[in-house]
Every structure is written in C-alpha cells, then in structure tokens.
C-alpha cells in the first residue's frame, strides 16, 4: 500500500507508516501545500495512493466516489493535537 499524508497531519505520520513497511510521502514533500482539494484528489487517484487527512471535505462520497480512489482515510479524533493524531496513524 502507498499513502499520501495531507498537509493537516504531522509529517511524522509518513515516517510511522514507513517504519511499518509502507510507502508514504507527504503533501509538503511534493510541493502540494495549499492546493485545492480537487487537485490533491486528482493526484492521489492518478498515483493510486491512499490519502490520509483530517479534512472532512474528503468524506463527501458524492465529490470523491470511493470506487474512483485507492482509498481516502479521514481521521476524526476528538482532539487533533499532534500526539493524538500520530497515535491514530
């Protein structure tokens, strides 16, 4: 599995996944910070990567139909501090 970590997650999330044998890159590492959601969605679809994000917009199955993506994981912890988000990953 290959993942792309959205800019609203700590970059360490990619490191955690890599330590567990997964391929993971970040939005920042690819100079995609600040791009519109649709631009990012098109990129992950084209690359066949699973997006991990905190952005609730990506949970809209009408805008981002699950059958068209390798996966979109929207993390929704009650507390979104760095430590909590990394524990979710």
PDB file of N, CA and C in Angstrom:
ATOM      1  N   UNK A   1       0.835  -1.170   0.000  1.00  0.00           N
ATOM      2  CA  UNK A   1       0.000   0.000   0.000  1.00  0.00           C
ATOM      3  C   UNK A   1       0.882   1.236   0.000  1.00  0.00           C
ATOM      4  N   UNK A   2       0.427   2.242  -0.694  1.00  0.00           N
ATOM      5  CA  UNK A   2       1.150   3.506  -0.714  1.00  0.00           C
ATOM      6  C   UNK A   2       0.214   4.625  -0.255  1.00  0.00           C
ATOM      7  N   UNK A   3       0.750   5.503   0.550  1.00  0.00           N
ATOM      8  CA  UNK A   3      -0.036   6.553   1.176  1.00  0.00           C
ATOM      9  C   UNK A   3       0.502   7.930   0.828  1.00  0.00           C
ATOM     10  N   UNK A   4      -0.398   8.905   0.860  1.00  0.00           N
ATOM     11  CA  UNK A   4      -0.008  10.307   0.800  1.00  0.00           C
ATOM     12  C   UNK A   4      -0.612  10.970   2.037  1.00  0.00           C
ATOM     13  N   UNK A   5       0.252  11.649   2.788  1.00  0.00           N
ATOM     14  CA  UNK A   5      -0.151  12.307   4.017  1.00  0.00           C
ATOM     15  C   UNK A   5      -0.488  13.762   3.704  1.00  0.00           C
ATOM     16  N   UNK A   6      -1.705  14.167   4.048  1.00  0.00           N
ATOM     17  CA  UNK A   6      -2.153  15.527   3.781  1.00  0.00           C
ATOM     18  C   UNK A   6      -1.397  16.512   4.672  1.00  0.00           C
ATOM     19  N   UNK A   7      -1.450  17.783   4.288  1.00  0.00           N
ATOM     20  CA  UNK A   7      -0.714  18.822   4.992  1.00  0.00           C
ATOM     21  C   UNK A   7      -1.257  19.099   6.391  1.00  0.00           C
ATOM     22  N   UNK A   8      -2.455  18.626   6.716  1.00  0.00           N
ATOM     23  CA  UNK A   8      -3.012  18.881   8.036  1.00  0.00           C
ATOM     24  C   UNK A   8      -2.629  17.805   9.058  1.00  0.00           C
ATOM     25  N   UNK A   9      -1.788  16.870   8.666  1.00  0.00           N
ATOM     26  CA  UNK A   9      -1.243  15.875   9.581  1.00  0.00           C
ATOM     27  C   UNK A   9       0.243  16.156   9.775  1.00  0.00           C
ATOM     28  N   UNK A  10       0.793  15.747  10.920  1.00  0.00           N
ATOM     29  CA  UNK A  10       2.225  15.918  11.126  1.00  0.00           C
ATOM     30  C   UNK A  10       3.024  15.083  10.110  1.00  0.00           C
ATOM     31  N   UNK A  11       4.142  15.610   9.665  1.00  0.00           N
ATOM     32  CA  UNK A  11       4.957  14.884   8.680  1.00  0.00           C
ATOM     33  C   UNK A  11       5.425  13.550   9.238  1.00  0.00           C
ATOM     34  N   UNK A  12       5.504  13.444  10.573  1.00  0.00           N
ATOM     35  CA  UNK A  12       5.946  12.188  11.198  1.00  0.00           C
ATOM     36  C   UNK A  12       5.010  11.027  10.895  1.00  0.00           C
ATOM     37  N   UNK A  13       3.794  11.323  10.478  1.00  0.00           N
ATOM     38  CA  UNK A  13       2.858  10.252  10.115  1.00  0.00           C
ATOM     39  C   UNK A  13       3.433   9.405   8.982  1.00  0.00           C
ATOM     40  N   UNK A  14       4.082  10.045   8.024  1.00  0.00           N
ATOM     41  CA  UNK A  14       4.715   9.302   6.924  1.00  0.00           C
ATOM     42  C   UNK A  14       5.824   8.407   7.462  1.00  0.00           C
ATOM     43  N   UNK A  15       6.600   8.916   8.403  1.00  0.00           N
ATOM     44  CA  UNK A  15       7.688   8.116   8.990  1.00  0.00           C
ATOM     45  C   UNK A  15       7.163   6.886   9.710  1.00  0.00           C
ATOM     46  N   UNK A  16       6.065   7.046  10.444  1.00  0.00           N
ATOM     47  CA  UNK A  16       5.459   5.912  11.152  1.00  0.00           C
ATOM     48  C   UNK A  16       5.054   4.828  10.156  1.00  0.00           C
ATOM     49  N   UNK A  17       4.400   5.231   9.087  1.00  0.00           N
ATOM     50  CA  UNK A  17       3.980   4.251   8.081  1.00  0.00           C
ATOM     51  C   UNK A  17       5.188   3.586   7.430  1.00  0.00           C
ATOM     52  N   UNK A  18       6.214   4.358   7.133  1.00  0.00           N
ATOM     53  CA  UNK A  18       7.428   3.804   6.518  1.00  0.00           C
ATOM     54  C   UNK A  18       8.108   2.804   7.447  1.00  0.00           C
ATOM     55  N   UNK A  19       8.118   3.090   8.741  1.00  0.00           N
ATOM     56  CA  UNK A  19       8.713   2.173   9.717  1.00  0.00           C
ATOM     57  C   UNK A  19       7.976   0.844   9.771  1.00  0.00           C
ATOM     58  N   UNK A  20       6.731   0.841   9.339  1.00  0.00           N
ATOM     59  CA  UNK A  20       5.930  -0.386   9.324  1.00  0.00           C
ATOM     60  C   UNK A  20       5.867  -1.016   7.928  1.00  0.00           C
ATOM     61  N   UNK A  21       6.755  -0.571   7.053  1.00  0.00           N
ATOM     62  CA  UNK A  21       6.892  -1.214   5.751  1.00  0.00           C
ATOM     63  C   UNK A  21       6.041  -0.653   4.628  1.00  0.00           C
ATOM     64  N   UNK A  22       5.377   0.460   4.864  1.00  0.00           N
ATOM     65  CA  UNK A  22       4.541   1.062   3.832  1.00  0.00           C
ATOM     66  C   UNK A  22       5.282   2.187   3.127  1.00  0.00           C
ATOM     67  N   UNK A  23       4.894   2.439   1.902  1.00  0.00           N
ATOM     68  CA  UNK A  23       5.407   3.595   1.185  1.00  0.00           C
ATOM     69  C   UNK A  23       4.505   4.771   1.544  1.00  0.00           C
ATOM     70  N   UNK A  24       5.122   5.882   1.928  1.00  0.00           N
ATOM     71  CA  UNK A  24       4.331   7.059   2.297  1.00  0.00           C
ATOM     72  C   UNK A  24       5.108   8.318   1.962  1.00  0.00           C
ATOM     73  N   UNK A  25       4.409   9.262   1.364  1.00  0.00           N
ATOM     74  CA  UNK A  25       5.012  10.569   1.121  1.00  0.00           C
ATOM     75  C   UNK A  25       4.048  11.630   1.629  1.00  0.00           C
ATOM     76  N   UNK A  26       4.497  12.861   1.590  1.00  0.00           N
ATOM     77  CA  UNK A  26       3.701  13.937   2.154  1.00  0.00           C
ATOM     78  C   UNK A  26       3.364  14.988   1.101  1.00  0.00           C
ATOM     79  N   UNK A  27       2.297  15.689   1.360  1.00  0.00           N
ATOM     80  CA  UNK A  27       1.896  16.799   0.501  1.00  0.00           C
ATOM     81  C   UNK A  27       2.999  17.856   0.479  1.00  0.00           C
ATOM     82  N   UNK A  28       3.620  18.105   1.649  1.00  0.00           N
ATOM     83  CA  UNK A  28       4.681  19.125   1.707  1.00  0.00           C
ATOM     84  C   UNK A  28       5.878  18.719   0.887  1.00  0.00           C
ATOM     85  N   UNK A  29       6.252  17.458   0.958  1.00  0.00           N
ATOM     86  CA  UNK A  29       7.422  16.974   0.238  1.00  0.00           C
ATOM     87  C   UNK A  29       7.274  17.045  -1.274  1.00  0.00           C
ATOM     88  N   UNK A  30       6.048  17.162  -1.734  1.00  0.00           N
ATOM     89  CA  UNK A  30       5.798  17.234  -3.173  1.00  0.00           C
ATOM     90  C   UNK A  30       5.309  18.611  -3.600  1.00  0.00           C
ATOM     91  N   UNK A  31       5.520  19.600  -2.726  1.00  0.00           N
ATOM     92  CA  UNK A  31       5.132  20.989  -3.014  1.00  0.00           C
ATOM     93  C   UNK A  31       3.655  21.124  -3.382  1.00  0.00           C
ATOM     94  N   UNK A  32       2.814  20.388  -2.678  1.00  0.00           N
ATOM     95  CA  UNK A  32       1.369  20.448  -2.920  1.00  0.00           C
ATOM     96  C   UNK A  32       0.632  21.195  -1.812  1.00  0.00           C
ATOM     97  N   UNK A  33       1.356  21.775  -0.881  1.00  0.00           N
ATOM     98  CA  UNK A  33       0.704  22.508   0.207  1.00  0.00           C
ATOM     99  C   UNK A  33      -0.138  23.634  -0.361  1.00  0.00           C
ATOM    100  N   UNK A  34      -1.350  23.753   0.139  1.00  0.00           N
ATOM    101  CA  UNK A  34      -2.223  24.831  -0.262  1.00  0.00           C
ATOM    102  C   UNK A  34      -3.012  24.604  -1.539  1.00  0.00           C
ATOM    103  N   UNK A  35      -2.818  23.454  -2.195  1.00  0.00           N
ATOM    104  CA  UNK A  35      -3.579  23.215  -3.422  1.00  0.00           C
ATOM    105  C   UNK A  35      -5.042  22.921  -3.070  1.00  0.00           C
ATOM    106  N   UNK A  36      -5.918  23.162  -4.007  1.00  0.00           N
ATOM    107  CA  UNK A  36      -7.336  22.864  -3.802  1.00  0.00           C
ATOM    108  C   UNK A  36      -7.517  21.356  -3.599  1.00  0.00           C
ATOM    109  N   UNK A  37      -8.551  20.994  -2.878  1.00  0.00           N
ATOM    110  CA  UNK A  37      -8.824  19.583  -2.594  1.00  0.00           C
ATOM    111  C   UNK A  37      -8.912  18.753  -3.868  1.00  0.00           C
ATOM    112  N   UNK A  38      -9.562  19.278  -4.884  1.00  0.00           N
ATOM    113  CA  UNK A  38      -9.738  18.521  -6.121  1.00  0.00           C
ATOM    114  C   UNK A  38      -8.400  18.248  -6.797  1.00  0.00           C
ATOM    115  N   UNK A  39      -7.473  19.181  -6.709  1.00  0.00           N
ATOM    116  CA  UNK A  39      -6.136  18.973  -7.283  1.00  0.00           C
ATOM    117  C   UNK A  39      -5.442  17.830  -6.555  1.00  0.00           C
ATOM    118  N   UNK A  40      -5.517  17.833  -5.230  1.00  0.00           N
ATOM    119  CA  UNK A  40      -4.911  16.753  -4.444  1.00  0.00           C
ATOM    120  C   UNK A  40      -5.601  15.421  -4.732  1.00  0.00           C
ATOM    121  N   UNK A  41      -6.919  15.439  -4.814  1.00  0.00           N
ATOM    122  CA  UNK A  41      -7.670  14.212  -5.102  1.00  0.00           C
ATOM    123  C   UNK A  41      -7.275  13.635  -6.457  1.00  0.00           C
ATOM    124  N   UNK A  42      -7.143  14.485  -7.442  1.00  0.00           N
ATOM    125  CA  UNK A  42      -6.718  14.009  -8.765  1.00  0.00           C
ATOM    126  C   UNK A  42      -5.331  13.396  -8.712  1.00  0.00           C
ATOM    127  N   UNK A  43      -4.459  13.989  -7.931  1.00  0.00           N
ATOM    128  CA  UNK A  43      -3.090  13.486  -7.818  1.00  0.00           C
ATOM    129  C   UNK A  43      -3.061  12.105  -7.177  1.00  0.00           C
ATOM    130  N   UNK A  44      -3.763  11.927  -6.053  1.00  0.00           N
ATOM    131  CA  UNK A  44      -3.735  10.614  -5.398  1.00  0.00           C
ATOM    132  C   UNK A  44      -4.418   9.560  -6.254  1.00  0.00           C
ATOM    133  N   UNK A  45      -5.432   9.951  -6.983  1.00  0.00           N
ATOM    134  CA  UNK A  45      -6.106   8.998  -7.870  1.00  0.00           C
ATOM    135  C   UNK A  45      -5.153   8.547  -8.980  1.00  0.00           C
ATOM    136  N   UNK A  46      -4.482   9.505  -9.583  1.00  0.00           N
ATOM    137  CA  UNK A  46      -3.544   9.204 -10.671  1.00  0.00           C
ATOM    138  C   UNK A  46      -2.370   8.338 -10.183  1.00  0.00           C
ATOM    139  N   UNK A  47      -1.928   8.581  -8.951  1.00  0.00           N
ATOM    140  CA  UNK A  47      -0.793   7.842  -8.382  1.00  0.00           C
ATOM    141  C   UNK A  47      -1.208   6.542  -7.703  1.00  0.00           C
ATOM    142  N   UNK A  48      -2.507   6.296  -7.601  1.00  0.00           N
ATOM    143  CA  UNK A  48      -3.038   5.101  -6.929  1.00  0.00           C
ATOM    144  C   UNK A  48      -2.574   5.039  -5.477  1.00  0.00           C
ATOM    145  N   UNK A  49      -2.630   6.181  -4.801  1.00  0.00           N
ATOM    146  CA  UNK A  49      -2.237   6.252  -3.393  1.00  0.00           C
ATOM    147  C   UNK A  49      -3.461   6.462  -2.522  1.00  0.00           C
ATOM    148  N   UNK A  50      -3.310   6.094  -1.269  1.00  0.00           N
ATOM    149  CA  UNK A  50      -4.357   6.273  -0.276  1.00  0.00           C
ATOM    150  C   UNK A  50      -4.076   7.571   0.458  1.00  0.00           C
ATOM    151  N   UNK A  51      -5.027   8.470   0.442  1.00  0.00           N
ATOM    152  CA  UNK A  51      -4.876   9.747   1.124  1.00  0.00           C
ATOM    153  C   UNK A  51      -5.280   9.599   2.585  1.00  0.00           C
ATOM    154  N   UNK A  52      -4.437  10.119   3.473  1.00  0.00           N
ATOM    155  CA  UNK A  52      -4.788  10.208   4.894  1.00  0.00           C
ATOM    156  C   UNK A  52      -4.873  11.689   5.226  1.00  0.00           C
ATOM    157  N   UNK A  53      -6.005  12.100   5.783  1.00  0.00           N
ATOM    158  CA  UNK A  53      -6.269  13.513   6.008  1.00  0.00           C
ATOM    159  C   UNK A  53      -7.141  13.718   7.239  1.00  0.00           C
ATOM    160  N   UNK A  54      -7.181  14.952   7.699  1.00  0.00           N
ATOM    161  CA  UNK A  54      -8.143  15.365   8.728  1.00  0.00           C
ATOM    162  C   UNK A  54      -9.275  16.172   8.107  1.00  0.00           C
ATOM    163  N   UNK A  55      -9.190  16.420   6.827  1.00  0.00           N
ATOM    164  CA  UNK A  55     -10.125  17.286   6.102  1.00  0.00           C
ATOM    165  C   UNK A  55     -11.443  16.564   5.849  1.00  0.00           C
ATOM    166  N   UNK A  56     -12.474  16.988   6.549  1.00  0.00           N
ATOM    167  CA  UNK A  56     -13.781  16.349   6.454  1.00  0.00           C
ATOM    168  C   UNK A  56     -14.387  16.449   5.055  1.00  0.00           C
ATOM    169  N   UNK A  57     -13.951  17.422   4.258  1.00  0.00           N
ATOM    170  CA  UNK A  57     -14.462  17.544   2.883  1.00  0.00           C
ATOM    171  C   UNK A  57     -14.239  16.259   2.086  1.00  0.00           C
ATOM    172  N   UNK A  58     -13.165  15.550   2.381  1.00  0.00           N
ATOM    173  CA  UNK A  58     -12.862  14.326   1.645  1.00  0.00           C
ATOM    174  C   UNK A  58     -13.785  13.161   2.007  1.00  0.00           C
ATOM    175  N   UNK A  59     -14.619  13.342   3.008  1.00  0.00           N
ATOM    176  CA  UNK A  59     -15.574  12.274   3.359  1.00  0.00           C
ATOM    177  C   UNK A  59     -16.849  12.346   2.525  1.00  0.00           C
ATOM    178  N   UNK A  60     -16.953  13.342   1.666  1.00  0.00           N
ATOM    179  CA  UNK A  60     -18.120  13.504   0.795  1.00  0.00           C
ATOM    180  C   UNK A  60     -18.022  12.506  -0.361  1.00  0.00           C
ATOM    181  N   UNK A  61     -18.804  11.436  -0.283  1.00  0.00           N
ATOM    182  CA  UNK A  61     -18.707  10.378  -1.295  1.00  0.00           C
ATOM    183  C   UNK A  61     -19.276  10.793  -2.648  1.00  0.00           C
ATOM    184  N   UNK A  62     -20.003  11.879  -2.673  1.00  0.00           N
ATOM    185  CA  UNK A  62     -20.503  12.387  -3.961  1.00  0.00           C
ATOM    186  C   UNK A  62     -19.394  13.143  -4.688  1.00  0.00           C
ATOM    187  N   UNK A  63     -18.600  13.881  -3.936  1.00  0.00           N
ATOM    188  CA  UNK A  63     -17.483  14.619  -4.530  1.00  0.00           C
ATOM    189  C   UNK A  63     -16.297  13.701  -4.804  1.00  0.00           C
ATOM    190  N   UNK A  64     -16.114  12.701  -3.937  1.00  0.00           N
ATOM    191  CA  UNK A  64     -14.975  11.775  -4.047  1.00  0.00           C
ATOM    192  C   UNK A  64     -15.490  10.337  -3.954  1.00  0.00           C
ATOM    193  N   UNK A  65     -16.084   9.823  -5.041  1.00  0.00           N
ATOM    194  CA  UNK A  65     -16.667   8.473  -5.020  1.00  0.00           C
ATOM    195  C   UNK A  65     -15.618   7.409  -4.680  1.00  0.00           C
ATOM    196  N   UNK A  66     -15.868   6.596  -3.675  1.00  0.00           N
ATOM    197  CA  UNK A  66     -14.888   5.596  -3.249  1.00  0.00           C
ATOM    198  C   UNK A  66     -14.381   4.691  -4.370  1.00  0.00           C
ATOM    199  N   UNK A  67     -15.216   4.352  -5.319  1.00  0.00           N
ATOM    200  CA  UNK A  67     -14.793   3.452  -6.403  1.00  0.00           C
ATOM    201  C   UNK A  67     -13.725   4.068  -7.293  1.00  0.00           C
ATOM    202  N   UNK A  68     -13.555   5.377  -7.228  1.00  0.00           N
ATOM    203  CA  UNK A  68     -12.589   6.055  -8.088  1.00  0.00           C
ATOM    204  C   UNK A  68     -11.219   6.244  -7.438  1.00  0.00           C
ATOM    205  N   UNK A  69     -11.074   5.841  -6.188  1.00  0.00           N
ATOM    206  CA  UNK A  69      -9.839   6.079  -5.434  1.00  0.00           C
ATOM    207  C   UNK A  69      -9.327   4.787  -4.823  1.00  0.00           C
ATOM    208  N   UNK A  70      -8.020   4.749  -4.614  1.00  0.00           N
ATOM    209  CA  UNK A  70      -7.438   3.607  -3.906  1.00  0.00           C
ATOM    210  C   UNK A  70      -7.838   3.636  -2.444  1.00  0.00           C
ATOM    211  N   UNK A  71      -8.157   4.814  -1.964  1.00  0.00           N
ATOM    212  CA  UNK A  71      -8.638   4.969  -0.595  1.00  0.00           C
ATOM    213  C   UNK A  71      -8.469   6.388  -0.114  1.00  0.00           C
ATOM    214  N   UNK A  72      -9.388   6.809   0.703  1.00  0.00           N
ATOM    215  CA  UNK A  72      -9.303   8.095   1.386  1.00  0.00           C
ATOM    216  C   UNK A  72      -9.653   7.815   2.837  1.00  0.00           C
ATOM    217  N   UNK A  73      -8.710   8.075   3.715  1.00  0.00           N
ATOM    218  CA  UNK A  73      -8.915   7.864   5.146  1.00  0.00           C
ATOM    219  C   UNK A  73      -9.009   9.234   5.801  1.00  0.00           C
ATOM    220  N   UNK A  74     -10.174   9.513   6.383  1.00  0.00           N
ATOM    221  CA  UNK A  74     -10.388  10.779   7.082  1.00  0.00           C
ATOM    222  C   UNK A  74     -10.364  10.474   8.582  1.00  0.00           C
ATOM    223  N   UNK A  75      -9.321  10.927   9.244  1.00  0.00           N
ATOM    224  CA  UNK A  75      -9.197  10.723  10.685  1.00  0.00           C
ATOM    225  C   UNK A  75      -9.995  11.809  11.393  1.00  0.00           C
ATOM    226  N   UNK A  76     -10.774  11.429  12.384  1.00  0.00           N
ATOM    227  CA  UNK A  76     -11.595  12.393  13.112  1.00  0.00           C
ATOM    228  C   UNK A  76     -11.461  12.218  14.627  1.00  0.00           C
ATOM    229  N   UNK A  77     -10.251  12.325  15.158  1.00  0.00           N
ATOM    230  CA  UNK A  77     -10.133  12.241  16.624  1.00  0.00           C
ATOM    231  C   UNK A  77     -10.783  13.460  17.272  1.00  0.00           C
ATOM    232  N   UNK A  78     -11.297  13.279  18.466  1.00  0.00           N
ATOM    233  CA  UNK A  78     -11.930  14.414  19.166  1.00  0.00           C
ATOM    234  C   UNK A  78     -10.926  15.522  19.409  1.00  0.00           C
ATOM    235  N   UNK A  79      -9.725  15.111  19.768  1.00  0.00           N
ATOM    236  CA  UNK A  79      -8.632  16.059  19.978  1.00  0.00           C
ATOM    237  C   UNK A  79      -7.677  15.880  18.811  1.00  0.00           C
ATOM    238  N   UNK A  80      -7.300  16.967  18.176  1.00  0.00           N
ATOM    239  CA  UNK A  80      -6.455  16.850  16.986  1.00  0.00           C
ATOM    240  C   UNK A  80      -5.046  17.390  17.217  1.00  0.00           C
ATOM    241  N   UNK A  81      -4.556  17.223  18.445  1.00  0.00           N
ATOM    242  CA  UNK A  81      -3.178  17.626  18.684  1.00  0.00           C
ATOM    243  C   UNK A  81      -2.240  16.587  18.051  1.00  0.00           C
ATOM    244  N   UNK A  82      -0.990  16.950  17.938  1.00  0.00           N
ATOM    245  CA  UNK A  82      -0.016  16.120  17.234  1.00  0.00           C
ATOM    246  C   UNK A  82       0.072  14.702  17.807  1.00  0.00           C
ATOM    247  N   UNK A  83       0.183  14.587  19.111  1.00  0.00           N
ATOM    248  CA  UNK A  83       0.338  13.266  19.739  1.00  0.00           C
ATOM    249  C   UNK A  83      -0.870  12.369  19.460  1.00  0.00           C
ATOM    250  N   UNK A  84      -2.059  12.916  19.560  1.00  0.00           N
ATOM    251  CA  UNK A  84      -3.272  12.128  19.316  1.00  0.00           C
ATOM    252  C   UNK A  84      -3.348  11.679  17.872  1.00  0.00           C
ATOM    253  N   UNK A  85      -3.090  12.594  16.951  1.00  0.00           N
ATOM    254  CA  UNK A  85      -3.150  12.245  15.533  1.00  0.00           C
ATOM    255  C   UNK A  85      -2.124  11.159  15.210  1.00  0.00           C
ATOM    256  N   UNK A  86      -0.933  11.265  15.746  1.00  0.00           N
ATOM    257  CA  UNK A  86       0.093  10.245  15.475  1.00  0.00           C
ATOM    258  C   UNK A  86      -0.298   8.900  16.062  1.00  0.00           C
ATOM    259  N   UNK A  87      -0.974   8.887  17.198  1.00  0.00           N
ATOM    260  CA  UNK A  87      -1.459   7.613  17.771  1.00  0.00           C
ATOM    261  C   UNK A  87      -2.504   6.993  16.844  1.00  0.00           C
ATOM    262  N   UNK A  88      -3.352   7.801  16.216  1.00  0.00           N
ATOM    263  CA  UNK A  88      -4.340   7.290  15.267  1.00  0.00           C
ATOM    264  C   UNK A  88      -3.655   6.625  14.077  1.00  0.00           C
ATOM    265  N   UNK A  89      -2.598   7.243  13.612  1.00  0.00           N
ATOM    266  CA  UNK A  89      -1.870   6.688  12.460  1.00  0.00           C
ATOM    267  C   UNK A  89      -1.256   5.368  12.868  1.00  0.00           C
TER     268      UNK A  89
END
